[in-house]
Amino acid sequence: MRTLKPVLFSPLTLTLSLTLGLMTPSQAESLKLTNFQMVDVEQGRLVQGKQLLIEDGRIVRIAPANEVMQADSSKDLGGQYLLPSLWDMHVHFEGRELVEDNAILLPLYLAYGITAVREAASDLAPEVMVWRQQIAEGKRIGPRIFSAGQKFEGIDSLWNGDMEVGDEAAMKRGMDKLAAMKVDFIKITENTMTPDLYLKTVAEGHRRGYRISSHIPYGVSIKAAVDAGLSSIEHESYVMRLGHRDEATIAAQVRAGKLTAKEASARYREGFEQQMADKGYRMLAAKGVAVTPTLIGGYQLANLDTNDHSQDDYLRYLTTAFTDKYRWRIERMGEQTTEQWQARKLRFQGEANQLPHLEAAGVMLLAGSDSAALNTYVYPAEGLHNELQLWQDAGLSPARILRAATLDGAKFMGLDQEYGSIAIGKRADLLILNANPLADIAATMKIDSLILAGEYHDKAQLERWKAETAAAVQILNTGRQGL
C-alpha cells in the first residue's frame, strides 16, 4: 500500500465548491411538455400525439395532445425525442489527491444526460457520501449517487481505500461500518481476499439485505458466488469463465493451492465453449444476477497502439493530475509486441461478442462505464455513451440498450417505481434528444436539454456546466503549478 497524502481543503477548494458545485433548492413550478416523440423504453417504441404534465418533480398526467391542460409554464419540444434520463451503473470517484478534480465533474454528468450513477466504491468514500447527501438535498449540482462506500478486500490489497478484512469477525465489523455510512450496496473485489472469506462476505451482505456487486476470485466458481447471494457481476471478463467446461474444477484447484491465479487465467483463455457459456448465462438469468459488461475500458486499452487521444476534446474537463493517473497503464503496456496487441484486441472482441448471448439468455444487463482516474481514457460521463455505442456495435438493438441505461438500472436498485421510464407518478428526470435513439444509439449524444426533478435545463445551461467545468480545471492546474 502506498502512503496517502493528507488532503488540505484550501481557499481554492472552497472557491471551486461555491462557484461550480453548490446550489440552493428552488420551488418547482408545474411544467407542460408538448410536441414531442416519447420513447417508451419498456416496449422499445415511439409514442406520438401526447402531452405531459409535471408537478412537484413528478409526472402527473400524460394526455392526448389536443386536450386542454393548465400549467404554470409550457415547453414546446419541437418534435424532439423525450426519454428517461440515463443511469451510469458503474463509476468511481477516486484519488485522495483528486478530491477537487472529481467534485468539479459532477455537473458534467447532467450535461451528458446522466442523472444517476452507481459509485462502486473508492478511497474517496467520505467525500462521496457528503456529495450524495448534498445532491439529494438540492445543495449541489450533480447526478443522484448510489454508493458502496468502501469495497471489501483482503489484507494488503492492491488498491487504496479498501475495507481490508482478514477474518469473519473483521468482515462483520466492516459491514457494521458500512451500515453506519448508509451505503446503497456492497462491493467486493478479489485481489487478496481468500475464497472462503469471500463467500462468507457475500452471504453476510445478502443476509443483511444488501445488493452485492463483485468481481469473482479465481478460487470461487461463479455458481458458488451466485448461490451465496451475489446480485451482480462487474465486468464481462469474469462471466466468460462460464464458457469453460472445467470452471468449477479450476476454482477448486486454485482454492486448494494447486493452481496460481496466473495459471488459472491461462486455463480460462483456453477451451471456451459457447454452449457451456449459454448454459451458465441462463443460470444467471434464473437466479436474477445482473451483469455490468464495462466494455469501454477493454476497448481503450486494446487500441492504445492505434488511437491517439492527445487531441480529445474531453481532456479540457480533466486536470493534469487526473490524466497523470492514466500513465501507469500506458507505460505498463508500452512494450507489447504486435502479437500481444493483436491478442488483446481479440480478447476484447471475444467479450463483446457475448453480449447478444447474455441478452438471449435473459440476463439483466447494466450499462456502466467504469470511469475512474485509474481507467485510462474512460472519460467520466462521456464514457457511458461510448459504452452504449460498443453494445450496438456488438449486435444489441438500440431499444435493448436504452432499457439497460434507464429502466434496468433503476430496477436493479429497486427504484423502478420512481425512475427509469416515462409514466404517471414517476419522477420527472427526462432527456430531450435531437435524433431518434431507437434508430441509432449514437443519438444519446445529440442532447438538446434536460429535465431534472421537474426543472427544465436548456442547451445553454448544459453548455454552461461544461464551460464551468473546463474553467475550474484551468484554475486547479494553474494553482498547482510550482507546488
Protein backbone atom coordinates (compact mmCIF):
# COMPACT_ATOMS: atom_id res chain seq x y z
CA MET A 1 0.00 0.00 0.00
CA ARG A 2 1.43 3.40 -0.88
CA THR A 3 1.42 6.21 1.66
CA LEU A 4 -1.52 8.55 1.26
CA LYS A 5 -1.05 12.29 1.40
CA PRO A 6 -3.47 14.23 3.58
CA VAL A 7 -5.99 16.41 1.75
CA LEU A 8 -5.93 20.06 2.74
CA PHE A 9 -9.10 21.99 1.97
CA SER A 10 -7.66 25.25 0.75
CA PRO A 11 -9.33 28.57 -0.20
CA LEU A 12 -9.14 27.25 -3.77
CA THR A 13 -11.24 24.24 -2.81
CA LEU A 14 -13.81 26.47 -1.16
CA THR A 15 -13.94 28.81 -4.15
CA LEU A 16 -14.49 25.95 -6.58
CA SER A 17 -17.20 24.44 -4.38
CA LEU A 18 -19.09 27.71 -4.16
CA THR A 19 -18.80 28.66 -7.83
CA LEU A 20 -19.31 25.31 -9.51
CA GLY A 21 -20.94 22.69 -7.34
CA LEU A 22 -23.27 24.16 -4.76
CA MET A 23 -26.80 25.41 -5.19
CA THR A 24 -29.88 26.18 -3.18
CA PRO A 25 -33.18 24.33 -3.62
CA SER A 26 -35.77 26.07 -5.78
CA GLN A 27 -39.53 25.77 -5.69
CA ALA A 28 -40.55 23.77 -8.74
CA GLU A 29 -43.47 25.03 -10.81
CA SER A 30 -45.79 22.89 -12.88
CA LEU A 31 -44.49 22.33 -16.41
CA LYS A 32 -46.32 21.15 -19.51
CA LEU A 33 -44.40 19.49 -22.34
CA THR A 34 -45.89 19.41 -25.82
CA ASN A 35 -44.95 18.43 -29.37
CA PHE A 36 -42.55 15.56 -28.68
CA GLN A 37 -41.97 11.95 -29.64
CA MET A 38 -41.93 9.88 -26.47
CA VAL A 39 -39.51 6.98 -26.24
CA ASP A 40 -41.16 4.06 -24.46
CA VAL A 41 -38.10 2.21 -23.13
CA GLU A 42 -40.20 -0.68 -21.80
CA GLN A 43 -41.64 -1.56 -25.21
CA GLY A 44 -38.87 -0.11 -27.37
CA ARG A 45 -41.19 2.10 -29.43
CA LEU A 46 -42.06 5.73 -30.14
CA VAL A 47 -45.32 7.17 -28.86
CA GLN A 48 -46.66 10.27 -30.55
CA GLY A 49 -49.57 12.64 -30.10
CA LYS A 50 -49.12 13.12 -26.35
CA GLN A 51 -48.51 15.92 -23.89
CA LEU A 52 -47.12 15.59 -20.41
CA LEU A 53 -47.68 17.49 -17.16
CA ILE A 54 -45.09 17.73 -14.39
CA GLU A 55 -45.86 18.94 -10.88
CA ASP A 56 -43.58 18.92 -7.83
CA GLY A 57 -40.95 16.99 -9.75
CA ARG A 58 -43.24 14.16 -10.83
CA ILE A 59 -45.13 13.22 -13.96
CA VAL A 60 -48.78 13.68 -13.00
CA ARG A 61 -50.52 13.34 -16.36
CA ILE A 62 -49.91 12.03 -19.87
CA ALA A 63 -52.76 13.09 -22.12
CA PRO A 64 -53.71 13.39 -25.80
CA ALA A 65 -52.06 16.37 -27.46
CA ASN A 66 -55.38 18.12 -28.12
CA GLU A 67 -56.59 18.02 -24.51
CA VAL A 68 -56.69 21.34 -22.63
CA MET A 69 -54.22 21.13 -19.77
CA GLN A 70 -53.19 24.02 -17.50
CA ALA A 71 -49.67 24.57 -16.17
CA ASP A 72 -47.51 27.40 -14.82
CA SER A 73 -45.29 27.12 -17.87
CA SER A 74 -45.25 25.20 -21.12
CA LYS A 75 -42.45 23.96 -23.34
CA ASP A 76 -42.90 23.05 -27.00
CA LEU A 77 -40.19 20.46 -27.74
CA GLY A 78 -40.39 20.91 -31.49
CA GLY A 79 -40.89 17.25 -32.34
CA GLN A 80 -37.77 16.13 -30.48
CA TYR A 81 -37.35 12.84 -28.66
CA LEU A 82 -38.30 12.59 -24.99
CA LEU A 83 -36.94 9.71 -22.94
CA PRO A 84 -35.94 8.92 -19.35
CA SER A 85 -32.53 10.28 -18.42
CA LEU A 86 -29.57 7.90 -18.30
CA TRP A 87 -28.02 5.92 -15.43
CA ASP A 88 -24.32 5.00 -15.34
CA MET A 89 -24.26 1.86 -13.23
CA HIS A 90 -20.51 1.66 -12.61
CA VAL A 91 -18.34 4.69 -11.86
CA HIS A 92 -15.57 5.56 -9.40
CA PHE A 93 -14.65 8.89 -7.84
CA GLU A 94 -11.13 8.18 -6.64
CA GLY A 95 -7.76 9.57 -5.59
CA ARG A 96 -7.10 11.17 -2.20
CA GLU A 97 -5.17 13.92 -4.00
CA LEU A 98 -8.03 14.35 -6.51
CA VAL A 99 -10.95 15.42 -4.33
CA GLU A 100 -11.47 18.72 -6.16
CA ASP A 101 -10.73 17.12 -9.53
CA ASN A 102 -13.60 14.68 -9.05
CA ALA A 103 -16.02 17.17 -7.48
CA ILE A 104 -15.90 19.53 -10.45
CA LEU A 105 -17.02 16.70 -12.73
CA LEU A 106 -20.39 16.21 -11.04
CA PRO A 107 -22.36 18.81 -13.10
CA LEU A 108 -20.80 17.32 -16.23
CA TYR A 109 -22.83 14.13 -15.77
CA LEU A 110 -26.01 16.17 -16.07
CA ALA A 111 -24.69 17.92 -19.16
CA TYR A 112 -24.30 14.46 -20.70
CA GLY A 113 -27.84 13.42 -19.77
CA ILE A 114 -26.88 11.21 -16.81
CA THR A 115 -28.91 11.87 -13.67
CA ALA A 116 -27.92 8.82 -11.59
CA VAL A 117 -24.66 6.95 -11.03
CA ARG A 118 -23.79 3.81 -9.08
CA GLU A 119 -20.44 4.55 -7.45
CA ALA A 120 -18.69 1.22 -7.00
CA ALA A 121 -16.51 2.24 -4.03
CA SER A 122 -13.24 4.16 -3.77
CA ASP A 123 -10.79 5.84 -1.42
CA LEU A 124 -12.98 8.97 -1.54
CA ALA A 125 -15.86 7.33 0.31
CA PRO A 126 -16.20 10.09 2.96
CA GLU A 127 -16.36 12.81 0.32
CA VAL A 128 -18.69 10.82 -1.93
CA MET A 129 -21.13 10.33 0.93
CA VAL A 130 -21.17 14.09 1.53
CA TRP A 131 -21.74 14.78 -2.17
CA ARG A 132 -24.52 12.20 -2.20
CA GLN A 133 -26.28 13.99 0.64
CA GLN A 134 -25.79 17.45 -0.82
CA ILE A 135 -27.20 16.38 -4.18
CA ALA A 136 -30.18 14.68 -2.54
CA GLU A 137 -30.91 17.88 -0.62
CA GLY A 138 -30.59 20.06 -3.70
CA LYS A 139 -27.48 21.79 -2.36
CA ARG A 140 -25.07 20.54 -5.02
CA ILE A 141 -25.45 20.08 -8.76
CA GLY A 142 -24.86 16.54 -9.88
CA PRO A 143 -26.39 13.12 -10.53
CA ARG A 144 -28.02 11.10 -7.78
CA ILE A 145 -25.30 8.94 -6.29
CA PHE A 146 -25.79 5.36 -5.14
CA SER A 147 -22.57 4.34 -3.43
CA ALA A 148 -20.92 1.26 -1.98
CA GLY A 149 -18.62 3.45 0.12
CA GLN A 150 -15.55 1.27 0.64
CA LYS A 151 -15.22 -2.08 -1.05
CA PHE A 152 -14.31 -5.28 0.77
CA GLU A 153 -10.89 -6.79 0.13
CA GLY A 154 -8.30 -8.98 1.82
CA ILE A 155 -5.26 -7.77 3.75
CA ASP A 156 -2.67 -5.72 1.80
CA SER A 157 -4.84 -5.38 -1.29
CA LEU A 158 -3.65 -3.63 -4.40
CA TRP A 159 -5.98 -0.63 -4.20
CA ASN A 160 -6.10 2.28 -1.76
CA GLY A 161 -9.08 2.84 0.49
CA ASP A 162 -10.36 -0.74 0.62
CA MET A 163 -12.10 -2.25 3.63
CA GLU A 164 -9.34 -4.77 4.28
CA VAL A 165 -10.53 -7.78 6.29
CA GLY A 166 -8.70 -10.96 7.22
CA ASP A 167 -11.33 -12.94 9.06
CA GLU A 168 -15.06 -13.21 9.56
CA ALA A 169 -15.13 -11.03 12.68
CA ALA A 170 -13.36 -8.18 10.90
CA MET A 171 -15.69 -8.58 7.94
CA LYS A 172 -18.76 -8.22 10.16
CA ARG A 173 -17.29 -5.12 11.77
CA GLY A 174 -16.80 -3.80 8.26
CA MET A 175 -20.44 -4.48 7.48
CA ASP A 176 -21.41 -2.53 10.58
CA LYS A 177 -19.25 0.39 9.46
CA LEU A 178 -20.83 0.44 6.00
CA ALA A 179 -24.29 0.24 7.57
CA ALA A 180 -23.44 3.33 9.63
CA MET A 181 -22.36 5.06 6.41
CA LYS A 182 -25.73 4.09 4.92
CA VAL A 183 -24.24 2.62 1.77
CA ASP A 184 -26.60 1.69 -1.05
CA PHE A 185 -24.98 -1.66 -1.91
CA ILE A 186 -21.92 -3.79 -1.12
CA LYS A 187 -18.92 -4.12 -3.44
CA ILE A 188 -16.33 -6.90 -3.13
CA THR A 189 -13.16 -7.43 -5.16
CA GLU A 190 -10.80 -10.36 -5.34
CA ASN A 191 -7.22 -9.10 -5.11
CA THR A 192 -6.19 -10.68 -1.78
CA MET A 193 -9.36 -11.92 -0.10
CA THR A 194 -9.41 -15.68 0.48
CA PRO A 195 -12.14 -17.66 -1.29
CA ASP A 196 -13.74 -18.81 1.96
CA LEU A 197 -13.93 -15.30 3.37
CA TYR A 198 -15.19 -14.01 0.05
CA LEU A 199 -18.17 -16.37 0.11
CA LYS A 200 -18.87 -15.50 3.74
CA THR A 201 -18.80 -11.79 2.85
CA VAL A 202 -21.28 -12.28 0.02
CA ALA A 203 -23.56 -14.32 2.26
CA GLU A 204 -23.37 -11.85 5.16
CA GLY A 205 -24.15 -8.86 2.95
CA HIS A 206 -27.03 -10.74 1.39
CA ARG A 207 -28.33 -11.71 4.84
CA ARG A 208 -28.34 -8.06 5.83
CA GLY A 209 -30.43 -7.17 2.82
CA TYR A 210 -27.83 -5.54 0.60
CA ARG A 211 -27.36 -5.95 -3.11
CA ILE A 212 -23.92 -7.47 -3.62
CA SER A 213 -21.79 -6.46 -6.62
CA SER A 214 -18.49 -8.16 -7.17
CA HIS A 215 -15.51 -9.38 -9.09
CA ILE A 216 -15.12 -13.17 -8.86
CA PRO A 217 -11.95 -14.63 -7.27
CA TYR A 218 -10.21 -17.40 -9.20
CA GLY A 219 -10.77 -19.71 -6.23
CA VAL A 220 -14.56 -19.35 -6.36
CA SER A 221 -16.84 -20.71 -9.07
CA ILE A 222 -19.43 -18.28 -10.37
CA LYS A 223 -22.24 -20.58 -9.29
CA ALA A 224 -20.87 -20.70 -5.74
CA ALA A 225 -20.83 -16.89 -5.64
CA VAL A 226 -24.36 -16.75 -7.03
CA ASP A 227 -25.61 -19.31 -4.53
CA ALA A 228 -24.07 -17.27 -1.70
CA GLY A 229 -26.24 -14.28 -2.66
CA LEU A 230 -24.47 -12.34 -5.41
CA SER A 231 -26.58 -9.66 -7.14
CA SER A 232 -24.35 -8.51 -9.99
CA ILE A 233 -21.06 -9.41 -11.64
CA GLU A 234 -18.95 -6.42 -12.56
CA HIS A 235 -17.01 -6.74 -15.85
CA GLU A 236 -17.76 -9.31 -18.50
CA SER A 237 -14.32 -10.94 -18.37
CA TYR A 238 -15.39 -12.77 -15.20
CA VAL A 239 -18.62 -14.00 -16.76
CA MET A 240 -16.79 -15.65 -19.63
CA ARG A 241 -15.42 -18.27 -17.24
CA LEU A 242 -18.82 -19.90 -17.55
CA GLY A 243 -17.76 -20.98 -21.04
CA HIS A 244 -15.11 -23.31 -19.65
CA ARG A 245 -16.26 -26.87 -19.02
CA ASP A 246 -13.92 -27.16 -16.02
CA GLU A 247 -14.75 -23.81 -14.37
CA ALA A 248 -15.70 -25.37 -11.03
CA THR A 249 -12.65 -27.66 -11.11
CA ILE A 250 -10.27 -24.79 -11.84
CA ALA A 251 -11.77 -22.80 -8.96
CA ALA A 252 -11.34 -25.78 -6.63
CA GLN A 253 -7.71 -26.23 -7.68
CA VAL A 254 -6.94 -22.56 -7.01
CA ARG A 255 -8.66 -22.82 -3.67
CA ALA A 256 -6.56 -25.88 -2.79
CA GLY A 257 -3.31 -24.17 -3.81
CA LYS A 258 -2.76 -26.43 -6.82
CA LEU A 259 -3.09 -23.60 -9.33
CA THR A 260 -1.96 -19.97 -9.12
CA ALA A 261 -4.22 -17.17 -10.28
CA LYS A 262 -1.95 -16.66 -13.30
CA GLU A 263 -2.20 -20.33 -14.23
CA ALA A 264 -5.97 -20.27 -13.78
CA SER A 265 -6.21 -17.24 -16.03
CA ALA A 266 -4.28 -19.08 -18.74
CA ARG A 267 -6.57 -22.11 -18.40
CA TYR A 268 -9.66 -19.93 -18.80
CA ARG A 269 -8.30 -18.46 -22.03
CA GLU A 270 -8.33 -21.96 -23.50
CA GLY A 271 -11.26 -24.17 -24.30
CA PHE A 272 -14.11 -21.65 -24.35
CA GLU A 273 -17.37 -23.36 -25.40
CA GLN A 274 -20.32 -21.19 -26.37
CA GLN A 275 -22.84 -23.87 -25.44
CA MET A 276 -21.40 -24.06 -21.92
CA ALA A 277 -21.40 -20.30 -21.64
CA ASP A 278 -25.02 -20.04 -22.75
CA LYS A 279 -25.98 -22.61 -20.13
CA GLY A 280 -24.20 -20.54 -17.49
CA TYR A 281 -25.88 -17.37 -18.68
CA ARG A 282 -29.28 -19.00 -18.32
CA MET A 283 -28.31 -19.90 -14.76
CA LEU A 284 -27.53 -16.23 -14.06
CA ALA A 285 -30.87 -15.17 -15.52
CA ALA A 286 -32.77 -17.76 -13.50
CA LYS A 287 -31.05 -16.57 -10.31
CA GLY A 288 -31.68 -12.90 -11.12
CA VAL A 289 -27.98 -11.99 -11.28
CA ALA A 290 -27.18 -8.92 -13.38
CA VAL A 291 -24.02 -8.32 -15.42
CA THR A 292 -22.29 -4.96 -15.96
CA PRO A 293 -20.10 -5.58 -19.03
CA THR A 294 -17.97 -2.36 -18.93
CA LEU A 295 -16.58 -2.94 -22.41
CA ILE A 296 -15.17 0.55 -22.91
CA GLY A 297 -12.15 0.04 -20.66
CA GLY A 298 -11.04 -3.06 -22.54
CA TYR A 299 -11.63 -1.34 -25.86
CA GLN A 300 -9.50 1.67 -24.96
CA LEU A 301 -6.61 -0.48 -23.73
CA ALA A 302 -6.78 -2.83 -26.71
CA ASN A 303 -6.49 0.11 -29.10
CA LEU A 304 -3.88 2.25 -27.38
CA ASP A 305 -1.45 1.28 -30.12
CA THR A 306 -3.54 2.92 -32.85
CA ASN A 307 -5.83 5.52 -31.20
CA ASP A 308 -4.34 8.94 -30.50
CA HIS A 309 -6.17 10.58 -27.58
CA SER A 310 -3.94 13.65 -27.33
CA GLN A 311 -6.49 15.85 -29.11
CA ASP A 312 -9.64 14.51 -27.43
CA ASP A 313 -11.95 17.42 -26.75
CA TYR A 314 -12.97 15.87 -23.43
CA LEU A 315 -9.49 16.39 -21.98
CA ARG A 316 -10.41 20.01 -21.21
CA TYR A 317 -12.60 18.68 -18.38
CA LEU A 318 -9.78 16.77 -16.68
CA THR A 319 -6.93 18.20 -14.64
CA THR A 320 -3.34 17.31 -15.34
CA ALA A 321 -3.26 15.49 -12.01
CA PHE A 322 -6.25 13.40 -13.12
CA THR A 323 -4.83 12.40 -16.50
CA ASP A 324 -1.43 11.69 -14.94
CA LYS A 325 -3.15 8.66 -13.39
CA TYR A 326 -3.66 7.29 -16.90
CA ARG A 327 0.09 6.85 -17.31
CA TRP A 328 0.51 3.69 -15.28
CA ARG A 329 -1.49 1.56 -17.71
CA ILE A 330 0.01 3.25 -20.75
CA GLU A 331 3.55 2.65 -19.52
CA ARG A 332 2.78 -0.92 -18.46
CA MET A 333 1.56 -1.72 -21.97
CA GLY A 334 4.07 0.32 -23.92
CA GLU A 335 6.44 -2.53 -24.74
CA GLN A 336 3.88 -5.04 -26.02
CA THR A 337 4.69 -6.83 -29.24
CA THR A 338 2.48 -6.74 -32.32
CA GLU A 339 1.28 -10.23 -31.44
CA GLN A 340 0.37 -9.16 -27.90
CA TRP A 341 -1.60 -6.18 -29.17
CA GLN A 342 -3.48 -8.43 -31.55
CA ALA A 343 -4.22 -10.92 -28.78
CA ARG A 344 -5.62 -8.13 -26.63
CA LYS A 345 -7.86 -6.95 -29.45
CA LEU A 346 -9.14 -10.49 -29.95
CA ARG A 347 -9.88 -10.84 -26.23
CA PHE A 348 -11.85 -7.61 -26.29
CA GLN A 349 -13.83 -8.73 -29.32
CA GLY A 350 -14.49 -12.09 -27.70
CA GLU A 351 -16.03 -10.33 -24.71
CA ALA A 352 -18.10 -8.00 -26.89
CA ASN A 353 -19.41 -10.97 -28.86
CA GLN A 354 -21.01 -12.35 -25.70
CA LEU A 355 -23.50 -9.51 -25.28
CA PRO A 356 -26.10 -10.96 -27.66
CA HIS A 357 -25.74 -14.31 -25.90
CA LEU A 358 -26.30 -12.74 -22.49
CA GLU A 359 -29.32 -10.94 -23.89
CA ALA A 360 -30.71 -14.10 -25.46
CA ALA A 361 -30.36 -15.91 -22.13
CA GLY A 362 -32.41 -13.22 -20.39
CA VAL A 363 -29.64 -11.78 -18.21
CA MET A 364 -30.24 -8.28 -16.86
CA LEU A 365 -27.56 -6.06 -18.38
CA LEU A 366 -26.50 -2.90 -16.57
CA ALA A 367 -24.94 -0.06 -18.54
CA GLY A 368 -21.81 1.13 -16.76
CA SER A 369 -18.64 2.85 -17.91
CA ASP A 370 -16.22 2.10 -15.04
CA SER A 371 -14.96 5.65 -15.46
CA ALA A 372 -12.20 6.47 -12.98
CA ALA A 373 -8.89 8.26 -12.76
CA LEU A 374 -7.11 4.90 -12.94
CA ASN A 375 -9.03 3.71 -16.02
CA THR A 376 -7.19 5.13 -18.98
CA TYR A 377 -9.31 7.22 -21.38
CA VAL A 378 -12.58 6.01 -19.90
CA TYR A 379 -13.95 9.50 -19.51
CA PRO A 380 -16.47 10.36 -16.77
CA ALA A 381 -19.97 10.89 -18.24
CA GLU A 382 -18.88 10.55 -21.88
CA GLY A 383 -17.68 7.01 -21.17
CA LEU A 384 -21.24 5.77 -20.74
CA HIS A 385 -22.15 6.94 -24.25
CA ASN A 386 -19.04 5.21 -25.60
CA GLU A 387 -20.10 2.05 -23.79
CA LEU A 388 -23.57 2.16 -25.33
CA GLN A 389 -22.05 2.51 -28.79
CA LEU A 390 -19.91 -0.60 -28.21
CA TRP A 391 -23.04 -2.52 -27.24
CA GLN A 392 -24.66 -1.53 -30.52
CA ASP A 393 -21.51 -2.49 -32.43
CA ALA A 394 -21.69 -5.88 -30.69
CA GLY A 395 -25.17 -6.51 -32.05
CA LEU A 396 -27.64 -5.30 -29.42
CA SER A 397 -30.56 -3.22 -30.62
CA PRO A 398 -30.82 0.45 -29.58
CA ALA A 399 -34.09 -0.35 -27.82
CA ARG A 400 -32.45 -3.02 -25.68
CA ILE A 401 -29.51 -0.75 -24.92
CA LEU A 402 -31.76 2.13 -23.88
CA ARG A 403 -33.63 -0.10 -21.46
CA ALA A 404 -30.35 -1.13 -19.84
CA ALA A 405 -29.26 2.51 -19.48
CA THR A 406 -32.56 3.66 -17.98
CA LEU A 407 -35.18 1.29 -16.59
CA ASP A 408 -32.94 -1.67 -15.76
CA GLY A 409 -30.58 0.49 -13.73
CA ALA A 410 -33.49 1.77 -11.67
CA LYS A 411 -34.93 -1.73 -11.40
CA PHE A 412 -31.66 -3.18 -10.12
CA MET A 413 -31.63 -0.57 -7.35
CA GLY A 414 -35.26 -1.35 -6.51
CA LEU A 415 -36.38 2.08 -7.70
CA ASP A 416 -38.24 1.34 -10.92
CA GLN A 417 -41.49 2.61 -9.38
CA GLU A 418 -39.79 6.01 -9.12
CA TYR A 419 -37.40 6.23 -12.07
CA GLY A 420 -36.38 4.72 -15.37
CA SER A 421 -39.37 5.23 -17.67
CA ILE A 422 -41.98 7.82 -18.55
CA ALA A 423 -45.11 7.03 -16.58
CA ILE A 424 -47.60 8.78 -14.35
CA GLY A 425 -46.31 9.05 -10.78
CA LYS A 426 -42.65 8.67 -11.67
CA ARG A 427 -40.06 11.33 -11.01
CA ALA A 428 -39.50 13.70 -13.88
CA ASP A 429 -35.86 13.06 -14.80
CA LEU A 430 -36.05 13.32 -18.58
CA LEU A 431 -33.74 13.77 -21.53
CA ILE A 432 -34.58 15.57 -24.79
CA LEU A 433 -32.62 14.48 -27.88
CA ASN A 434 -32.38 15.90 -31.38
CA ALA A 435 -32.31 12.43 -33.00
CA ASN A 436 -34.09 9.12 -32.58
CA PRO A 437 -32.17 6.83 -30.18
CA LEU A 438 -34.25 3.85 -31.28
CA ALA A 439 -32.72 4.17 -34.76
CA ASP A 440 -29.11 4.69 -33.64
CA ILE A 441 -27.84 4.74 -30.06
CA ALA A 442 -25.39 7.50 -31.06
CA ALA A 443 -28.39 9.81 -30.71
CA THR A 444 -27.85 9.81 -26.93
CA MET A 445 -25.01 12.25 -27.57
CA LYS A 446 -27.26 14.63 -29.50
CA ILE A 447 -28.66 16.24 -26.38
CA ASP A 448 -30.90 19.28 -26.61
CA SER A 449 -31.96 19.71 -22.98
CA LEU A 450 -32.58 18.01 -19.67
CA ILE A 451 -35.35 17.91 -17.10
CA LEU A 452 -34.11 17.15 -13.61
CA ALA A 453 -36.62 16.71 -10.77
CA GLY A 454 -39.14 18.56 -12.92
CA GLU A 455 -36.89 21.52 -13.67
CA TYR A 456 -36.09 22.29 -17.30
CA HIS A 457 -32.45 22.98 -18.24
CA ASP A 458 -31.94 24.17 -21.81
CA LYS A 459 -28.97 23.59 -24.07
CA ALA A 460 -27.37 26.84 -22.96
CA GLN A 461 -27.40 25.67 -19.34
CA LEU A 462 -25.83 22.33 -20.26
CA GLU A 463 -23.10 24.16 -22.14
CA ARG A 464 -22.53 26.47 -19.15
CA TRP A 465 -21.97 23.45 -16.92
CA LYS A 466 -19.39 22.19 -19.40
CA ALA A 467 -17.70 25.58 -19.65
CA GLU A 468 -17.62 25.98 -15.85
CA THR A 469 -16.01 22.56 -15.51
CA ALA A 470 -13.35 23.47 -18.07
CA ALA A 471 -12.72 26.78 -16.29
CA ALA A 472 -12.39 25.02 -12.93
CA VAL A 473 -9.81 22.67 -14.48
CA GLN A 474 -7.73 25.65 -15.53
CA ILE A 475 -7.95 27.13 -12.02
CA LEU A 476 -6.80 23.88 -10.46
CA ASN A 477 -3.98 23.34 -12.95
CA THR A 478 -2.71 26.91 -12.55
CA GLY A 479 -3.00 26.84 -8.76
CA ARG A 480 -0.85 23.72 -8.56
CA GLN A 481 1.96 24.94 -10.77
CA GLY A 482 5.21 25.07 -8.88
CA LEU A 483 3.84 23.24 -5.84
